[in-house]
Amino acid sequence: MKEFDYSLDFKAIDFRQHPELYRIGRGEQGVLLVEPYKSEILPYWRFKTPDIARQSADKIYSLFLQYKAEGDFVGMDMARKFLQMGYTRARRYANHKSGRKYAAGSKTVLPREEDPIKAESAKIFYEKWQLVKADPEYLRLATYHRD
């Protein structure tokens, strides 16, 4: 697998015009760098409450389906990354009210304070993320893009 290339000039590259420059990377790498997708998806990314998370995850999933219909793998993968990030961030706040896992200036893990509202938000994003990850067309295009 090719690593995500952080050396690119992300402010100057339109990845819709140059999908060959896009690298999938690991997890959420590049989620806040790759344009025009970041600007198209980020305004809808929210997880404060389950209702907000549901609206957000549904909208991001609809963008995934739109990109899929257009054969736009980079858009599909960026939607996947935003859904994954919705899960991981909501889960972090579900575990740690402050959103901080570690004590300031240390590697000491702070005690968990379970927030059931954020946990529900995380679950909503998780379900959409898994749906996207298992999509046969997404998997086919991911293999093609890597090659």
C-alpha atoms as a PDB file:
ATOM      1  CA  MET A   1       0.000   0.000   0.000  1.00  0.00           C
ATOM      2  CA  LYS A   2       1.260   3.459  -0.889  1.00  0.00           C
ATOM      3  CA  GLU A   3       1.507   5.809   2.078  1.00  0.00           C
ATOM      4  CA  PHE A   4      -0.452   9.035   2.156  1.00  0.00           C
ATOM      5  CA  ASP A   5       1.749  11.698   0.538  1.00  0.00           C
ATOM      6  CA  TYR A   6       1.873  14.690   2.886  1.00  0.00           C
ATOM      7  CA  SER A   7       4.514  16.373   0.707  1.00  0.00           C
ATOM      8  CA  LEU A   8       1.961  17.440  -1.922  1.00  0.00           C
ATOM      9  CA  ASP A   9       0.848  21.071  -2.220  1.00  0.00           C
ATOM     10  CA  PHE A  10      -2.716  20.447  -1.042  1.00  0.00           C
ATOM     11  CA  LYS A  11      -3.730  24.106  -1.428  1.00  0.00           C
ATOM     12  CA  ALA A  12      -2.922  23.972  -5.149  1.00  0.00           C
ATOM     13  CA  ILE A  13      -4.282  20.535  -6.135  1.00  0.00           C
ATOM     14  CA  ASP A  14      -7.847  19.822  -7.201  1.00  0.00           C
ATOM     15  CA  PHE A  15      -8.068  16.074  -6.611  1.00  0.00           C
ATOM     16  CA  ARG A  16     -11.209  15.811  -8.743  1.00  0.00           C
ATOM     17  CA  GLN A  17      -9.056  16.963 -11.655  1.00  0.00           C
ATOM     18  CA  HIS A  18      -6.028  14.906 -10.545  1.00  0.00           C
ATOM     19  CA  PRO A  19      -7.269  11.718  -8.827  1.00  0.00           C
ATOM     20  CA  GLU A  20      -4.015   9.987  -9.759  1.00  0.00           C
ATOM     21  CA  LEU A  21      -2.252  12.056  -7.056  1.00  0.00           C
ATOM     22  CA  TYR A  22      -4.581  10.796  -4.307  1.00  0.00           C
ATOM     23  CA  ARG A  23      -3.346   8.114  -1.918  1.00  0.00           C
ATOM     24  CA  ILE A  24      -5.807   6.279   0.305  1.00  0.00           C
ATOM     25  CA  GLY A  25      -3.341   6.002   3.185  1.00  0.00           C
ATOM     26  CA  ARG A  26      -4.424   4.634   6.549  1.00  0.00           C
ATOM     27  CA  GLY A  27      -7.645   5.444   8.333  1.00  0.00           C
ATOM     28  CA  GLU A  28      -8.489   9.127   8.168  1.00  0.00           C
ATOM     29  CA  GLN A  29      -5.197  10.415   6.734  1.00  0.00           C
ATOM     30  CA  GLY A  30      -5.698  13.575   4.682  1.00  0.00           C
ATOM     31  CA  VAL A  31      -9.367  13.966   5.569  1.00  0.00           C
ATOM     32  CA  LEU A  32      -8.920  17.700   6.179  1.00  0.00           C
ATOM     33  CA  LEU A  33      -6.529  18.291   3.271  1.00  0.00           C
ATOM     34  CA  VAL A  34      -7.986  16.846   0.065  1.00  0.00           C
ATOM     35  CA  GLU A  35      -9.968  19.400  -1.947  1.00  0.00           C
ATOM     36  CA  PRO A  36     -12.570  19.961  -3.234  1.00  0.00           C
ATOM     37  CA  TYR A  37     -13.966  17.108  -1.132  1.00  0.00           C
ATOM     38  CA  LYS A  38     -13.036  18.562   2.260  1.00  0.00           C
ATOM     39  CA  SER A  39     -15.031  21.710   1.472  1.00  0.00           C
ATOM     40  CA  GLU A  40     -17.956  19.685   0.116  1.00  0.00           C
ATOM     41  CA  ILE A  41     -18.232  17.284   3.077  1.00  0.00           C
ATOM     42  CA  LEU A  42     -16.925  19.134   6.155  1.00  0.00           C
ATOM     43  CA  PRO A  43     -19.900  21.544   6.467  1.00  0.00           C
ATOM     44  CA  TYR A  44     -22.152  18.518   7.140  1.00  0.00           C
ATOM     45  CA  TRP A  45     -19.862  16.759   9.642  1.00  0.00           C
ATOM     46  CA  ARG A  46     -21.428  17.036  13.143  1.00  0.00           C
ATOM     47  CA  PHE A  47     -21.921  14.673  16.090  1.00  0.00           C
ATOM     48  CA  LYS A  48     -23.040  16.707  19.118  1.00  0.00           C
ATOM     49  CA  THR A  49     -26.309  14.777  19.595  1.00  0.00           C
ATOM     50  CA  PRO A  50     -27.701  11.588  18.040  1.00  0.00           C
ATOM     51  CA  ASP A  51     -30.197  13.618  15.962  1.00  0.00           C
ATOM     52  CA  ILE A  52     -27.433  15.848  14.623  1.00  0.00           C
ATOM     53  CA  ALA A  53     -25.188  12.821  14.045  1.00  0.00           C
ATOM     54  CA  ARG A  54     -27.964  11.013  12.153  1.00  0.00           C
ATOM     55  CA  GLN A  55     -28.545  14.013   9.868  1.00  0.00           C
ATOM     56  CA  SER A  56     -24.798  14.352   9.354  1.00  0.00           C
ATOM     57  CA  ALA A  57     -24.114  10.671   8.684  1.00  0.00           C
ATOM     58  CA  ASP A  58     -27.117  10.457   6.342  1.00  0.00           C
ATOM     59  CA  LYS A  59     -25.949  13.511   4.378  1.00  0.00           C
ATOM     60  CA  ILE A  60     -22.360  12.261   4.139  1.00  0.00           C
ATOM     61  CA  TYR A  61     -23.651   8.848   3.042  1.00  0.00           C
ATOM     62  CA  SER A  62     -25.787  10.546   0.373  1.00  0.00           C
ATOM     63  CA  LEU A  63     -22.639  12.336  -0.832  1.00  0.00           C
ATOM     64  CA  PHE A  64     -20.903   8.945  -0.939  1.00  0.00           C
ATOM     65  CA  LEU A  65     -23.727   7.632  -3.147  1.00  0.00           C
ATOM     66  CA  GLN A  66     -23.500  10.723  -5.362  1.00  0.00           C
ATOM     67  CA  TYR A  67     -19.738  10.248  -5.801  1.00  0.00           C
ATOM     68  CA  LYS A  68     -20.356   6.557  -6.470  1.00  0.00           C
ATOM     69  CA  ALA A  69     -22.909   7.379  -9.197  1.00  0.00           C
ATOM     70  CA  GLU A  70     -20.301   9.686 -10.754  1.00  0.00           C
ATOM     71  CA  GLY A  71     -17.580   7.005 -10.557  1.00  0.00           C
ATOM     72  CA  ASP A  72     -15.566   9.357  -8.316  1.00  0.00           C
ATOM     73  CA  PHE A  73     -13.485   7.081  -6.093  1.00  0.00           C
ATOM     74  CA  VAL A  74     -11.636   9.908  -4.347  1.00  0.00           C
ATOM     75  CA  GLY A  75     -14.970  11.433  -3.289  1.00  0.00           C
ATOM     76  CA  MET A  76     -16.203   8.020  -2.133  1.00  0.00           C
ATOM     77  CA  ASP A  77     -13.072   7.487  -0.052  1.00  0.00           C
ATOM     78  CA  MET A  78     -13.223  10.977   1.437  1.00  0.00           C
ATOM     79  CA  ALA A  79     -16.867  10.381   2.456  1.00  0.00           C
ATOM     80  CA  ARG A  80     -15.690   7.122   4.048  1.00  0.00           C
ATOM     81  CA  LYS A  81     -12.999   9.019   5.943  1.00  0.00           C
ATOM     82  CA  PHE A  82     -15.486  11.591   7.261  1.00  0.00           C
ATOM     83  CA  LEU A  83     -17.822   8.826   8.438  1.00  0.00           C
ATOM     84  CA  GLN A  84     -14.877   7.090  10.123  1.00  0.00           C
ATOM     85  CA  MET A  85     -13.804  10.364  11.708  1.00  0.00           C
ATOM     86  CA  GLY A  86     -17.377  10.940  12.916  1.00  0.00           C
ATOM     87  CA  TYR A  87     -17.172   7.613  14.684  1.00  0.00           C
ATOM     88  CA  THR A  88     -13.700   8.104  16.174  1.00  0.00           C
ATOM     89  CA  ARG A  89     -14.306  11.679  17.359  1.00  0.00           C
ATOM     90  CA  ALA A  90     -17.740  10.947  18.828  1.00  0.00           C
ATOM     91  CA  ARG A  91     -16.265   7.869  20.507  1.00  0.00           C
ATOM     92  CA  ARG A  92     -13.440   9.964  21.981  1.00  0.00           C
ATOM     93  CA  TYR A  93     -15.962  12.407  23.468  1.00  0.00           C
ATOM     94  CA  ALA A  94     -18.098   9.466  24.624  1.00  0.00           C
ATOM     95  CA  ASN A  95     -15.076   8.210  26.589  1.00  0.00           C
ATOM     96  CA  HIS A  96     -13.664  11.582  27.687  1.00  0.00           C
ATOM     97  CA  LYS A  97     -16.000  14.551  28.206  1.00  0.00           C
ATOM     98  CA  SER A  98     -13.221  17.042  27.431  1.00  0.00           C
ATOM     99  CA  GLY A  99     -12.299  15.226  24.220  1.00  0.00           C
ATOM    100  CA  ARG A 100      -8.802  14.752  25.614  1.00  0.00           C
ATOM    101  CA  LYS A 101      -7.650  11.195  26.105  1.00  0.00           C
ATOM    102  CA  TYR A 102      -4.328  12.117  27.729  1.00  0.00           C
ATOM    103  CA  ALA A 103      -3.389  14.438  30.589  1.00  0.00           C
ATOM    104  CA  ALA A 104      -1.769  17.681  29.395  1.00  0.00           C
ATOM    105  CA  GLY A 105       1.909  17.234  28.565  1.00  0.00           C
ATOM    106  CA  SER A 106       1.861  13.554  29.453  1.00  0.00           C
ATOM    107  CA  LYS A 107       1.077  10.123  28.093  1.00  0.00           C
ATOM    108  CA  THR A 108      -1.106   9.340  31.086  1.00  0.00           C
ATOM    109  CA  VAL A 109      -4.570   8.267  29.963  1.00  0.00           C
ATOM    110  CA  LEU A 110      -7.308  10.208  31.707  1.00  0.00           C
ATOM    111  CA  PRO A 111     -10.113   8.267  33.425  1.00  0.00           C
ATOM    112  CA  ARG A 112     -13.076   7.417  31.222  1.00  0.00           C
ATOM    113  CA  GLU A 113     -16.332   9.279  31.753  1.00  0.00           C
ATOM    114  CA  GLU A 114     -18.950   7.531  29.612  1.00  0.00           C
ATOM    115  CA  ASP A 115     -21.304   9.910  27.788  1.00  0.00           C
ATOM    116  CA  PRO A 116     -24.243   7.884  26.441  1.00  0.00           C
ATOM    117  CA  ILE A 117     -25.301  10.685  24.068  1.00  0.00           C
ATOM    118  CA  LYS A 118     -21.929  10.792  22.310  1.00  0.00           C
ATOM    119  CA  ALA A 119     -21.809   6.978  22.371  1.00  0.00           C
ATOM    120  CA  GLU A 120     -25.092   6.921  20.428  1.00  0.00           C
ATOM    121  CA  SER A 121     -23.689   9.482  17.977  1.00  0.00           C
ATOM    122  CA  ALA A 122     -20.635   7.265  17.504  1.00  0.00           C
ATOM    123  CA  LYS A 123     -22.850   4.250  16.835  1.00  0.00           C
ATOM    124  CA  ILE A 124     -24.737   6.135  14.104  1.00  0.00           C
ATOM    125  CA  PHE A 125     -21.506   7.042  12.306  1.00  0.00           C
ATOM    126  CA  TYR A 126     -20.116   3.538  12.812  1.00  0.00           C
ATOM    127  CA  GLU A 127     -23.082   1.936  11.052  1.00  0.00           C
ATOM    128  CA  LYS A 128     -22.757   4.206   7.989  1.00  0.00           C
ATOM    129  CA  TRP A 129     -18.964   3.791   7.941  1.00  0.00           C
ATOM    130  CA  GLN A 130     -19.329  -0.011   7.910  1.00  0.00           C
ATOM    131  CA  LEU A 131     -21.908   0.218   5.124  1.00  0.00           C
ATOM    132  CA  VAL A 132     -19.485   2.250   3.000  1.00  0.00           C
ATOM    133  CA  LYS A 133     -16.473   0.038   3.808  1.00  0.00           C
ATOM    134  CA  ALA A 134     -18.350  -3.057   2.638  1.00  0.00           C
ATOM    135  CA  ASP A 135     -19.810  -1.504  -0.524  1.00  0.00           C
ATOM    136  CA  PRO A 136     -18.761  -3.784  -3.432  1.00  0.00           C
ATOM    137  CA  GLU A 137     -18.210  -0.887  -5.851  1.00  0.00           C
ATOM    138  CA  TYR A 138     -16.136   0.993  -3.260  1.00  0.00           C
ATOM    139  CA  LEU A 139     -13.997  -2.109  -2.687  1.00  0.00           C
ATOM    140  CA  ARG A 140     -13.555  -2.671  -6.428  1.00  0.00           C
ATOM    141  CA  LEU A 141     -12.568   0.946  -7.064  1.00  0.00           C
ATOM    142  CA  ALA A 142     -10.221   0.991  -4.046  1.00  0.00           C
ATOM    143  CA  THR A 143      -8.356  -2.023  -5.441  1.00  0.00           C
ATOM    144  CA  TYR A 144      -8.238  -0.423  -8.894  1.00  0.00           C
ATOM    145  CA  HIS A 145      -7.033   2.910  -7.454  1.00  0.00           C
ATOM    146  CA  ARG A 146      -4.251   1.249  -5.434  1.00  0.00           C
ATOM    147  CA  ASP A 147      -3.028  -0.578  -8.544  1.00  0.00           C
END
